[in-house]
Structures are given as structure tokens and as C-alpha cells.
Amino acid sequence: MAAEWTHDISYSPSLISVNIRGHDATAKNIEVSKEFGVNIAAEDHNVIRSIAGRYNGRNVDKISVLKGSGIASFYNAKQTKAPMLQGAAMNAECKLIKQEDQIGYHIMFVGEVIQISGDENKRPLVYQNGRYWELGETIVRPPAEIFNRIEELAMRYLRSGAT
């Protein structure tokens, strides 16, 4: 499925949350399998993302549609049974560690990343408010002098008892 609300929530351990409507087929699949895959679509995957977001998995086998159309190919995950999108900007295999029901009309699934791969040459597809966007140029980090000045101020304004 296409899920807009996917977030990294911890680096160590590496945790990802996905927020999915409880009546979606993907939610039921995660509840039963206790695992899921996160595939961050690349900019050239806008058609794949559109197909995945347009149809309900309870009614249409979207993976078969994507394979049959020749638009997308998938590979077998290394440590889960989740289908992984070939050519994605990033692929993560996750084991479910927590489920929070009734967050709005979504279920939040938190998974520990047990396998991850990515293609540094692929830029992620950005989708917001019904439109696709390209990521712009890299923004230069502020110069070291700014961070040095901030560090000096942080030391000056340490709260009592802080070390």
C-alpha cells in the first residue's frame, strides 16, 4: 500500500512507525504476520505510488497489477515475507514490536528494522497534499563558527544540576 505517514522514530534500535487505517488490508496483514516492509519509492516511481494508493488491497491484488503491467518488479525480502520494491530509494524489513490502536482513524505499527538497503543514486519520491514533488538541491550546513557560538551559549545557559 502507499502510506504517507511513515516515520523513523529511533536510530538505536532502528525503529520505523507506519500509520495505517485499521480497515486496510495492509493493517490486517501486519497484525497476522507481525512483520512489514517499508519501501521508500524513488522519484521515478510516481506511477507505482499512484497505483498503490488508488486501489484497496481488499479488492485488488495491487502487486499482481504492478507486476502484470511491467511497471514494477519486486524481490523476496531477506528476513521477512514482505515483498520489496525493486529500485526503491530505500527498503527496510521490519519486525513488529508494538501496535497502538485508535490513533485518529489509524493504527500505528512500530517495527524494528532487521534488514535495510538503499540506493544513494535514487532520490525519494515526495508526496504531499495530493501532489508529487522533487527534492531540491542539498542545503549547505551552517559554518562551524555558528555551531561554536551556539555551544558557548549552551554552556552559559546550562540549567542548575545539568552536566
Protein backbone atom coordinates (compact mmCIF):
# COMPACT_ATOMS: atom_id res chain seq x y z
CA MET A 1 0.00 0.00 0.00
CA ALA A 2 1.04 3.61 -0.25
CA ALA A 3 1.42 5.12 3.21
CA GLU A 4 2.11 8.80 3.72
CA TRP A 5 2.61 8.53 7.46
CA THR A 6 5.84 6.59 7.76
CA HIS A 7 8.45 7.84 10.22
CA ASP A 8 11.84 6.95 11.64
CA ILE A 9 11.33 7.12 15.39
CA SER A 10 14.63 5.78 16.76
CA TYR A 11 18.16 5.25 15.50
CA SER A 12 19.24 2.74 18.12
CA PRO A 13 17.45 0.47 17.99
CA SER A 14 16.37 1.38 14.47
CA LEU A 15 12.58 1.78 14.63
CA ILE A 16 10.09 2.83 11.97
CA SER A 17 6.40 3.56 12.50
CA VAL A 18 3.71 3.30 9.87
CA ASN A 19 0.21 4.63 10.44
CA ILE A 20 -2.46 2.71 8.55
CA ARG A 21 -6.25 2.77 8.60
CA GLY A 22 -7.46 -0.22 10.58
CA HIS A 23 -9.76 -1.47 7.82
CA ASP A 24 -6.97 -1.58 5.19
CA ALA A 25 -5.72 -4.98 4.05
CA THR A 26 -2.17 -4.00 4.98
CA ALA A 27 -3.17 -3.46 8.63
CA LYS A 28 -4.67 -6.94 8.76
CA ASN A 29 -1.57 -8.43 7.08
CA ILE A 30 0.73 -6.80 9.64
CA GLU A 31 -1.44 -7.92 12.56
CA VAL A 32 -1.29 -11.52 11.35
CA SER A 33 2.33 -11.71 10.11
CA LYS A 34 3.91 -9.48 12.80
CA GLU A 35 6.22 -8.01 10.14
CA PHE A 36 6.20 -5.47 7.33
CA GLY A 37 8.36 -3.85 4.70
CA VAL A 38 8.89 -0.16 4.09
CA ASN A 39 9.84 0.78 0.55
CA ILE A 40 10.59 4.45 0.01
CA ALA A 41 9.64 4.98 -3.62
CA ALA A 42 12.12 6.79 -5.85
CA GLU A 43 11.19 9.84 -7.94
CA ASP A 44 10.69 7.64 -11.00
CA HIS A 45 8.08 5.58 -9.11
CA ASN A 46 5.22 8.09 -9.27
CA VAL A 47 3.06 5.72 -11.36
CA ILE A 48 3.75 2.85 -8.93
CA ARG A 49 2.81 5.07 -6.00
CA SER A 50 -0.35 6.21 -7.78
CA ILE A 51 -1.50 2.64 -8.44
CA ALA A 52 -0.69 1.55 -4.86
CA GLY A 53 -2.63 4.50 -3.46
CA ARG A 54 -5.60 4.24 -5.80
CA TYR A 55 -6.82 0.71 -5.10
CA ASN A 56 -7.84 -1.05 -1.92
CA GLY A 57 -5.86 -4.24 -1.27
CA ARG A 58 -9.00 -6.00 -0.02
CA ASN A 59 -10.48 -5.68 -3.52
CA VAL A 60 -7.47 -5.66 -5.87
CA ASP A 61 -4.20 -7.60 -5.79
CA LYS A 62 -2.07 -4.50 -6.37
CA ILE A 63 1.24 -6.37 -6.55
CA SER A 64 -0.12 -8.54 -9.39
CA VAL A 65 -1.37 -5.39 -11.17
CA LEU A 66 2.07 -3.77 -10.86
CA LYS A 67 3.90 -6.92 -11.97
CA GLY A 68 1.45 -7.59 -14.81
CA SER A 69 1.73 -4.05 -16.13
CA GLY A 70 5.52 -4.27 -16.24
CA ILE A 71 5.65 -1.03 -14.26
CA ALA A 72 7.19 -2.55 -11.13
CA SER A 73 9.17 -5.55 -10.05
CA PHE A 74 9.64 -6.96 -6.60
CA TYR A 75 12.20 -9.13 -4.87
CA ASN A 76 11.93 -11.53 -1.96
CA ALA A 77 12.93 -9.97 1.33
CA LYS A 78 15.93 -11.50 3.08
CA GLN A 79 14.47 -11.83 6.60
CA THR A 80 10.70 -11.34 6.23
CA LYS A 81 7.99 -12.38 3.81
CA ALA A 82 7.21 -8.78 2.85
CA PRO A 83 7.50 -8.03 -0.89
CA MET A 84 10.20 -5.43 -1.54
CA LEU A 85 10.07 -2.90 -4.39
CA GLN A 86 12.99 -3.19 -6.78
CA GLY A 87 14.71 0.14 -7.47
CA ALA A 88 13.36 1.93 -4.41
CA ALA A 89 15.35 4.69 -2.77
CA MET A 90 15.29 2.63 0.44
CA ASN A 91 13.96 -0.75 1.52
CA ALA A 92 13.58 -1.79 5.16
CA GLU A 93 12.36 -5.09 6.54
CA CYS A 94 10.74 -4.71 9.95
CA LYS A 95 9.57 -7.00 12.75
CA LEU A 96 6.52 -5.66 14.58
CA ILE A 97 7.33 -4.71 18.17
CA LYS A 98 4.35 -2.54 19.11
CA GLN A 99 0.88 -1.67 17.89
CA GLU A 100 -1.15 1.33 19.04
CA ASP A 101 -4.81 1.24 18.08
CA GLN A 102 -7.16 4.17 17.60
CA ILE A 103 -4.75 6.98 16.88
CA GLY A 104 -7.28 9.02 14.96
CA TYR A 105 -8.62 6.53 12.47
CA HIS A 106 -5.24 4.83 12.14
CA ILE A 107 -3.32 2.04 13.79
CA MET A 108 0.32 2.85 14.47
CA PHE A 109 2.60 -0.11 13.86
CA VAL A 110 6.16 0.18 15.18
CA GLY A 111 8.72 -2.12 13.67
CA GLU A 112 12.36 -2.81 14.41
CA VAL A 113 14.43 -2.65 11.24
CA ILE A 114 16.16 -6.00 10.82
CA GLN A 115 17.40 -5.51 7.24
CA ILE A 116 17.89 -2.31 5.28
CA SER A 117 19.27 -1.34 1.90
CA GLY A 118 19.20 1.76 -0.24
CA ASP A 119 20.35 3.30 -3.47
CA GLU A 120 22.20 6.56 -2.90
CA ASN A 121 21.68 7.43 -6.57
CA LYS A 122 17.89 7.44 -6.14
CA ARG A 123 16.07 10.40 -4.67
CA PRO A 124 12.92 9.64 -2.68
CA LEU A 125 9.54 10.47 -4.12
CA VAL A 126 7.87 13.22 -2.11
CA TYR A 127 4.07 13.21 -1.91
CA GLN A 128 2.07 15.83 -0.08
CA ASN A 129 -1.48 17.12 -0.42
CA GLY A 130 -2.20 15.02 -3.50
CA ARG A 131 0.87 16.12 -5.46
CA TYR A 132 4.35 14.77 -6.17
CA TRP A 133 7.41 16.92 -5.53
CA GLU A 134 11.11 16.74 -6.34
CA LEU A 135 13.67 17.27 -3.64
CA GLY A 136 15.79 20.33 -4.28
CA GLU A 137 19.49 20.83 -4.07
CA THR A 138 21.39 19.97 -0.91
CA ILE A 139 21.35 22.78 1.61
CA VAL A 140 24.76 23.66 2.97
CA ARG A 141 25.22 23.14 6.71
CA PRO A 142 25.84 26.28 8.73
CA PRO A 143 29.52 27.14 9.21
CA ALA A 144 31.42 25.82 12.24
CA GLU A 145 31.57 29.34 13.75
CA ILE A 146 27.81 29.31 14.24
CA PHE A 147 27.88 25.94 15.99
CA ASN A 148 30.81 27.11 18.15
CA ARG A 149 28.85 30.21 19.19
CA ILE A 150 25.76 28.11 19.95
CA GLU A 151 27.89 25.74 22.07
CA GLU A 152 29.25 28.70 24.05
CA LEU A 153 25.70 29.95 24.68
CA ALA A 154 24.50 26.47 25.65
CA MET A 155 27.29 26.21 28.23
CA ARG A 156 26.44 29.67 29.57
CA TYR A 157 22.78 28.75 29.99
CA LEU A 158 23.13 25.28 31.48
CA ARG A 159 20.32 24.56 33.93
CA SER A 160 21.38 24.03 37.51
CA GLY A 161 22.23 20.40 38.16
CA ALA A 162 22.90 19.71 34.48
CA THR A 163 26.26 18.35 33.44
